[in-house]
């Protein structure tokens, strides 16, 4: 009887042990899966924290740049107010100068009249002494009349001398004001260069953070818009205005014309495509200021020159440049060397002229080709 019970227990144990083993294995597998999920969750949380820190650093960097831009804008605004006051004084000095010149002409005319009246009498007295004077009264009248004429002439000469001194002081004041305006304009443009650099930095950072994909034309318009907002005033603007030089601008490089201005073509050609010899030198077509000297997607290395009054010239596919951002350049000054222009199947230049942000036909501005 006892042996039967032992056999039953052995059979039951043999039946229960595999089930318990399977349950144990399933429990271990579930535990491992939960551990892996927890680990993945922890890894994701770490990545989120790292991204949050990176975003925070970028946000702080952008805020700093925006703060610098705001300070520079305020500084430029104050400097431009000073410059406007200097120019106001310049205009007043010029008007004063015109008044003094008119007064000088009036004095000269009056002095000429006095001399015409005095000189014949003076010669007569020198030659004839006082012949013809019949009485003391006549002598007294002539003497008093001459005294009055001499006195009036002397006063007029003093007036002319004072007028001449005032003109000299006025011219000196105009010279000092012009020098002060030139210095102030230099400070303003230097700060605008810094502001433009900050805007470029901000634009590049925003582009990287937001991963914006912009077209070539859109990116170029963004650059020109940033420059246009600064409202640069150039020293050359005083005597050289771009709009007055239509059909007289030199060609930017010697070469052959591959394609002209065709803004309605597909794809549009907004400038001139020129084929050149290897190493041809590219020159500025007008006086201006270099506001971009960097690569531009679709154009290779690009130099943009601002000529004042919202006119720009663009020189693309350069292999090397001789200028720096912020540099003022002369007409015909070398800007760089041509590189490979894919649109010309070799060395060449792509050249544009723009008014505000709109391309304009260079053929209407450049001299006729030889």
Protein backbone atom coordinates (compact mmCIF):
# COMPACT_ATOMS: atom_id res chain seq x y z
CA UNK A 1 0.00 0.00 0.00
CA UNK A 2 2.79 2.35 0.89
CA UNK A 3 4.60 1.45 -2.27
CA UNK A 4 1.55 2.41 -4.33
CA UNK A 5 1.36 5.85 -2.70
CA UNK A 6 5.04 6.45 -3.37
CA UNK A 7 4.59 5.48 -7.02
CA UNK A 8 1.62 7.86 -7.36
CA UNK A 9 3.64 10.73 -5.86
CA UNK A 10 6.53 10.03 -8.22
CA UNK A 11 4.19 10.08 -11.21
CA UNK A 12 2.56 13.34 -10.05
CA UNK A 13 5.93 15.01 -9.55
CA UNK A 14 7.08 13.92 -12.97
CA UNK A 15 3.99 15.49 -14.44
CA UNK A 16 4.28 18.79 -12.44
CA UNK A 17 8.02 19.47 -12.86
CA UNK A 18 7.96 20.25 -16.67
CA UNK A 19 5.09 22.67 -16.15
CA UNK A 20 6.92 24.49 -13.39
CA UNK A 21 10.06 24.65 -15.53
CA UNK A 22 8.15 26.17 -18.45
CA UNK A 23 6.53 28.77 -16.23
CA UNK A 24 9.93 29.69 -14.85
CA UNK A 25 11.33 30.13 -18.35
CA UNK A 26 8.37 32.27 -19.41
CA UNK A 27 8.79 34.44 -16.34
CA UNK A 28 12.49 34.92 -17.05
CA UNK A 29 11.79 35.85 -20.68
CA UNK A 30 9.16 38.40 -19.63
CA UNK A 31 11.52 39.86 -17.07
CA UNK A 32 14.26 40.20 -19.71
CA UNK A 33 11.85 41.86 -22.15
CA UNK A 34 10.77 44.36 -19.49
CA UNK A 35 14.39 45.09 -18.69
CA UNK A 36 15.16 45.74 -22.37
CA UNK A 37 12.14 48.06 -22.69
CA UNK A 38 13.23 49.95 -19.58
CA UNK A 39 16.74 50.29 -21.04
CA UNK A 40 15.38 51.56 -24.36
CA UNK A 41 13.18 54.03 -22.50
CA UNK A 42 16.17 55.22 -20.50
CA UNK A 43 18.25 55.59 -23.71
CA UNK A 44 15.48 57.60 -25.36
CA UNK A 45 15.16 59.81 -22.30
CA UNK A 46 18.92 60.48 -22.38
CA UNK A 47 18.75 61.36 -26.09
CA UNK A 48 15.81 63.68 -25.45
CA UNK A 49 17.73 65.38 -22.67
CA UNK A 50 20.80 65.78 -24.89
CA UNK A 51 18.67 67.22 -27.72
CA UNK A 52 16.97 69.55 -25.25
CA UNK A 53 20.37 70.75 -24.01
CA UNK A 54 21.58 71.23 -27.60
CA UNK A 55 18.40 73.11 -28.50
CA UNK A 56 18.87 75.24 -25.39
CA UNK A 57 22.45 76.09 -26.38
CA UNK A 58 21.40 76.95 -29.94
CA UNK A 59 18.48 79.02 -28.61
CA UNK A 60 20.87 80.90 -26.30
CA UNK A 61 23.28 81.44 -29.20
CA UNK A 62 20.50 82.78 -31.41
CA UNK A 63 19.24 85.00 -28.59
CA UNK A 64 22.75 86.41 -28.13
CA UNK A 65 23.03 87.12 -31.87
CA UNK A 66 19.58 88.75 -31.90
CA UNK A 67 20.58 90.82 -28.86
CA UNK A 68 23.77 91.95 -30.64
CA UNK A 69 21.72 92.82 -33.73
CA UNK A 70 19.33 94.90 -31.62
CA UNK A 71 22.21 96.78 -29.93
CA UNK A 72 23.92 97.41 -33.28
CA UNK A 73 20.67 98.65 -34.83
CA UNK A 74 20.18 101.12 -31.97
CA UNK A 75 23.80 102.25 -32.24
CA UNK A 76 23.53 102.70 -36.00
CA UNK A 77 20.27 104.62 -35.54
CA UNK A 78 21.95 107.03 -33.10
CA UNK A 79 24.96 107.44 -35.39
CA UNK A 80 22.74 108.11 -38.40
CA UNK A 81 20.90 110.79 -36.40
CA UNK A 82 24.27 112.44 -35.73
CA UNK A 83 25.17 112.12 -39.41
CA UNK A 84 21.86 113.70 -40.45
CA UNK A 85 22.55 116.62 -38.08
CA UNK A 86 26.03 117.04 -39.59
CA UNK A 87 24.54 117.01 -43.09
CA UNK A 88 21.95 119.57 -41.97
CA UNK A 89 24.79 121.81 -40.79
CA UNK A 90 26.59 121.19 -44.09
CA UNK A 91 23.54 122.35 -46.04
CA UNK A 92 23.25 125.45 -43.84
CA UNK A 93 26.95 126.21 -44.32
CA UNK A 94 26.55 125.94 -48.10
CA UNK A 95 23.53 128.28 -48.03
CA UNK A 96 25.52 130.72 -45.88
CA UNK A 97 28.32 130.52 -48.40
CA UNK A 98 25.95 131.41 -51.25
CA UNK A 99 24.69 134.40 -49.23
CA UNK A 100 28.23 135.54 -48.52
CA UNK A 101 29.13 135.25 -52.20
CA UNK A 102 26.09 137.35 -53.13
CA UNK A 103 27.10 139.91 -50.51
CA UNK A 104 30.64 139.88 -51.92
CA UNK A 105 29.30 140.67 -55.40
CA UNK A 106 27.13 143.49 -54.01
CA UNK A 107 30.09 144.99 -52.11
CA UNK A 108 32.29 144.72 -55.20
CA UNK A 109 29.65 146.46 -57.31
CA UNK A 110 29.22 149.28 -54.79
CA UNK A 111 32.98 149.64 -54.39
CA UNK A 112 33.36 149.80 -58.14
CA UNK A 113 30.81 152.63 -58.26
CA UNK A 114 32.65 154.55 -55.54
CA UNK A 115 35.98 154.11 -57.27
CA UNK A 116 34.53 155.29 -60.58
CA UNK A 117 33.32 158.45 -58.83
CA UNK A 118 36.49 158.98 -56.81
CA UNK A 119 39.24 158.19 -59.28
CA UNK A 120 38.65 161.00 -61.84
CA UNK A 121 38.46 163.58 -59.05
CA UNK A 122 41.58 162.20 -57.46
CA UNK A 123 43.49 162.45 -60.76
CA UNK A 124 42.20 165.97 -61.35
CA UNK A 125 43.40 167.07 -57.90
CA UNK A 126 46.77 165.48 -58.41
CA UNK A 127 47.27 167.20 -61.74
CA UNK A 128 45.69 170.57 -61.11
CA UNK A 129 46.03 170.77 -57.37
CA UNK A 130 43.17 173.08 -56.45
CA UNK A 131 42.91 175.16 -59.61
CA UNK A 132 39.41 176.36 -60.36
CA UNK A 133 38.58 176.75 -56.68
CA UNK A 134 37.27 180.34 -56.50
CA UNK A 135 36.34 180.53 -52.82
CA UNK A 136 36.89 178.98 -49.47
CA UNK A 137 33.30 177.66 -49.51
CA UNK A 138 33.92 175.85 -52.80
CA UNK A 139 37.14 174.41 -51.40
CA UNK A 140 35.32 173.34 -48.22
CA UNK A 141 32.50 171.69 -50.19
CA UNK A 142 34.94 169.83 -52.44
CA UNK A 143 37.04 168.77 -49.46
CA UNK A 144 34.00 167.49 -47.51
CA UNK A 145 32.66 165.72 -50.58
CA UNK A 146 35.99 164.01 -51.16
CA UNK A 147 36.23 163.13 -47.47
CA UNK A 148 32.80 161.51 -47.63
CA UNK A 149 33.74 159.59 -50.77
CA UNK A 150 37.05 158.46 -49.20
CA UNK A 151 35.27 157.46 -45.97
CA UNK A 152 32.58 155.54 -47.86
CA UNK A 153 35.25 153.80 -49.91
CA UNK A 154 37.25 152.94 -46.80
CA UNK A 155 34.14 151.56 -45.08
CA UNK A 156 33.30 149.52 -48.15
CA UNK A 157 36.84 148.14 -48.25
CA UNK A 158 36.54 147.16 -44.56
CA UNK A 159 33.20 145.52 -45.36
CA UNK A 160 34.81 143.62 -48.24
CA UNK A 161 37.64 142.47 -45.96
CA UNK A 162 35.20 141.24 -43.29
CA UNK A 163 33.16 139.49 -45.96
CA UNK A 164 36.29 137.76 -47.25
CA UNK A 165 37.19 136.61 -43.72
CA UNK A 166 33.68 135.23 -43.21
CA UNK A 167 33.88 133.34 -46.52
CA UNK A 168 37.24 131.86 -45.45
CA UNK A 169 35.79 130.76 -42.08
CA UNK A 170 32.71 129.37 -43.83
CA UNK A 171 34.84 127.31 -46.23
CA UNK A 172 36.88 125.99 -43.30
CA UNK A 173 33.66 125.05 -41.48
CA UNK A 174 32.41 123.23 -44.58
CA UNK A 175 35.73 121.35 -44.77
CA UNK A 176 35.54 120.32 -41.11
CA UNK A 177 31.89 119.28 -41.42
CA UNK A 178 32.68 117.21 -44.51
CA UNK A 179 35.56 115.54 -42.65
CA UNK A 180 33.32 114.90 -39.64
CA UNK A 181 30.59 113.47 -41.89
CA UNK A 182 33.12 111.21 -43.62
CA UNK A 183 34.38 109.95 -40.25
CA UNK A 184 30.86 109.37 -38.95
CA UNK A 185 29.89 107.56 -42.15
CA UNK A 186 32.93 105.33 -41.72
CA UNK A 187 31.82 104.41 -38.18
CA UNK A 188 28.28 103.75 -39.40
CA UNK A 189 29.40 101.52 -42.25
CA UNK A 190 31.77 99.63 -39.94
CA UNK A 191 28.89 98.91 -37.57
CA UNK A 192 26.70 97.97 -40.52
CA UNK A 193 29.39 95.51 -41.59
CA UNK A 194 29.22 93.96 -38.11
CA UNK A 195 25.44 93.96 -38.27
CA UNK A 196 25.48 92.31 -41.67
CA UNK A 197 27.89 89.66 -40.35
CA UNK A 198 25.59 89.01 -37.39
CA UNK A 199 22.60 88.75 -39.70
CA UNK A 200 24.45 86.25 -41.87
CA UNK A 201 25.35 84.25 -38.77
CA UNK A 202 21.77 84.32 -37.56
CA UNK A 203 20.47 83.29 -40.97
CA UNK A 204 22.92 80.37 -41.18
CA UNK A 205 22.06 79.18 -37.67
CA UNK A 206 18.34 79.40 -38.29
CA UNK A 207 18.82 77.55 -41.56
CA UNK A 208 20.71 74.77 -39.79
CA UNK A 209 18.25 74.48 -36.90
CA UNK A 210 15.10 74.55 -39.01
CA UNK A 211 16.68 72.58 -41.90
CA UNK A 212 15.11 74.91 -44.44
CA UNK A 213 15.65 74.06 -48.08
CA UNK A 214 15.58 77.25 -50.11
CA UNK A 215 15.87 77.77 -53.82
CA UNK A 216 18.82 79.67 -55.32
CA UNK A 217 16.74 82.77 -56.11
CA UNK A 218 15.14 82.77 -52.66
CA UNK A 219 18.52 82.53 -50.92
CA UNK A 220 19.98 85.34 -53.01
CA UNK A 221 16.94 87.52 -52.31
CA UNK A 222 17.40 86.87 -48.58
CA UNK A 223 21.00 88.11 -48.81
CA UNK A 224 20.03 91.22 -50.80
CA UNK A 225 17.15 91.89 -48.42
CA UNK A 226 19.53 91.79 -45.44
CA UNK A 227 21.85 94.24 -47.20
CA UNK A 228 19.00 96.51 -48.31
CA UNK A 229 17.70 96.79 -44.73
CA UNK A 230 21.01 98.37 -43.71
CA UNK A 231 20.60 101.32 -46.11
CA UNK A 232 24.35 101.73 -46.69
CA UNK A 233 25.59 105.20 -47.65
CA UNK A 234 28.87 105.13 -49.57
CA UNK A 235 31.52 107.83 -49.93
CA UNK A 236 31.36 107.38 -53.71
CA UNK A 237 27.62 108.20 -53.70
CA UNK A 238 28.42 111.89 -53.24
CA UNK A 239 29.82 112.22 -56.75
CA UNK A 240 29.00 108.92 -58.51
CA UNK A 241 25.40 107.80 -58.90
CA UNK A 242 24.90 104.43 -60.59
CA UNK A 243 21.68 105.39 -62.38
CA UNK A 244 23.50 108.13 -64.33
CA UNK A 245 25.95 105.69 -65.95
CA UNK A 246 23.56 103.75 -68.18
CA UNK A 247 25.28 102.23 -71.27
CA UNK A 248 28.70 103.40 -70.00
CA UNK A 249 29.68 100.61 -67.56
CA UNK A 250 32.70 98.49 -68.50
CA UNK A 251 32.34 94.75 -69.00
CA UNK A 252 33.36 92.80 -65.89
CA UNK A 253 35.73 90.48 -67.79
CA UNK A 254 37.10 89.98 -71.29
CA UNK A 255 35.47 87.05 -73.04
CA UNK A 256 32.68 85.83 -75.28
CA UNK A 257 28.97 86.01 -74.52
CA UNK A 258 27.51 82.50 -74.14
CA UNK A 259 23.99 83.53 -73.13
CA UNK A 260 22.26 86.87 -72.67
CA UNK A 261 19.56 88.11 -70.32
CA UNK A 262 16.50 85.83 -70.69
CA UNK A 263 14.38 86.07 -67.52
CA UNK A 264 11.37 84.37 -69.17
CA UNK A 265 13.30 81.38 -70.49
CA UNK A 266 13.07 77.93 -68.88
CA UNK A 267 15.19 77.87 -66.84
CA UNK A 268 15.42 81.69 -66.61
CA UNK A 269 18.75 83.44 -67.23
CA UNK A 270 18.77 86.54 -65.02
CA UNK A 271 22.20 87.75 -66.07
CA UNK A 272 24.99 87.16 -68.57
CA UNK A 273 26.90 83.90 -69.00
CA UNK A 274 30.41 84.56 -70.33
CA UNK A 275 33.16 82.22 -71.46
CA UNK A 276 36.72 83.42 -70.81
CA UNK A 277 40.33 82.35 -70.94
CA UNK A 278 41.84 80.49 -67.97
CA UNK A 279 42.73 82.85 -65.10
CA UNK A 280 40.89 85.88 -66.53
CA UNK A 281 40.59 88.72 -64.01
CA UNK A 282 37.11 89.92 -63.00
CA UNK A 283 36.73 93.65 -62.32
CA UNK A 284 34.07 95.74 -60.59
CA UNK A 285 31.90 97.59 -63.10
CA UNK A 286 31.32 100.55 -60.74
CA UNK A 287 32.39 102.12 -57.46
CA UNK A 288 30.85 100.34 -54.48
CA UNK A 289 31.21 98.17 -51.39
CA UNK A 290 31.72 94.40 -51.17
CA UNK A 291 28.76 93.05 -49.17
CA UNK A 292 29.09 89.33 -49.95
CA UNK A 293 32.21 87.24 -50.55
CA UNK A 294 31.27 83.61 -50.00
CA UNK A 295 29.86 80.52 -51.67
CA UNK A 296 26.25 80.60 -52.77
CA UNK A 297 24.42 77.39 -53.64
CA UNK A 298 24.16 77.06 -57.42
CA UNK A 299 26.63 79.89 -58.12
CA UNK A 300 29.92 78.66 -56.64
CA UNK A 301 31.98 81.42 -55.05
CA UNK A 302 30.19 84.75 -55.40
CA UNK A 303 31.13 88.40 -54.86
CA UNK A 304 28.28 90.92 -54.56
CA UNK A 305 29.07 94.65 -54.75
CA UNK A 306 26.59 97.26 -53.51
CA UNK A 307 26.72 100.49 -55.56
CA UNK A 308 24.35 102.66 -53.55
CA UNK A 309 20.71 103.61 -54.11
CA UNK A 310 19.71 99.88 -54.11
CA UNK A 311 21.87 98.84 -57.10
CA UNK A 312 23.99 95.66 -56.95
CA UNK A 313 26.31 93.70 -59.21
CA UNK A 314 26.93 89.95 -58.80
CA UNK A 315 29.98 87.99 -59.99
CA UNK A 316 29.68 84.17 -59.77
CA UNK A 317 31.85 81.08 -60.35
CA UNK A 318 35.07 82.68 -59.08
CA UNK A 319 38.08 80.49 -58.28
CA UNK A 320 39.75 83.16 -56.14
CA UNK A 321 38.95 86.63 -54.79
CA UNK A 322 41.13 89.69 -54.09
CA UNK A 323 38.67 91.55 -51.85
CA UNK A 324 37.08 91.16 -48.41
CA UNK A 325 33.62 91.82 -47.02
CA UNK A 326 33.09 95.48 -46.16
CA UNK A 327 35.81 96.72 -48.54
CA UNK A 328 34.97 99.71 -50.74
CA UNK A 329 36.17 99.20 -54.32
CA UNK A 330 36.86 101.45 -57.27
CA UNK A 331 35.47 101.05 -60.77
CA UNK A 332 37.68 98.57 -62.70
CA UNK A 333 39.22 97.30 -59.44
CA UNK A 334 40.05 93.55 -59.62
CA UNK A 335 37.64 91.42 -57.57
CA UNK A 336 38.98 87.96 -58.32
CA UNK A 337 39.71 85.30 -60.92
CA UNK A 338 37.24 83.28 -62.96
CA UNK A 339 36.75 79.60 -62.15
CA UNK A 340 34.93 76.78 -63.89
CA UNK A 341 31.52 77.90 -65.10
CA UNK A 342 29.39 74.83 -65.88
CA UNK A 343 27.06 76.95 -67.98
CA UNK A 344 29.99 77.96 -70.19
CA UNK A 345 31.58 74.48 -70.28
CA UNK A 346 34.86 75.87 -69.02
CA UNK A 347 36.36 78.96 -67.41
CA UNK A 348 33.87 81.78 -67.29
CA UNK A 349 31.77 84.23 -65.34
CA UNK A 350 28.11 84.60 -64.50
CA UNK A 351 27.25 88.31 -64.08
CA UNK A 352 24.07 89.99 -62.83
CA UNK A 353 22.86 93.52 -62.16
CA UNK A 354 20.01 94.07 -59.71
CA UNK A 355 17.89 97.01 -58.59
CA UNK A 356 16.51 96.31 -55.10
CA UNK A 357 16.15 92.51 -55.44
CA UNK A 358 14.97 92.48 -59.06
CA UNK A 359 17.36 91.45 -61.88
CA UNK A 360 17.81 94.12 -64.56
CA UNK A 361 19.16 93.68 -68.08
CA UNK A 362 22.96 94.25 -68.06
CA UNK A 363 22.93 94.95 -71.81
CA UNK A 364 21.14 98.24 -71.09
CA UNK A 365 23.96 99.32 -68.74
CA UNK A 366 27.20 97.97 -70.21
CA UNK A 367 29.02 99.61 -73.09
CA UNK A 368 28.50 98.08 -76.53
CA UNK A 369 30.70 95.06 -77.15
CA UNK A 370 33.72 95.60 -79.39
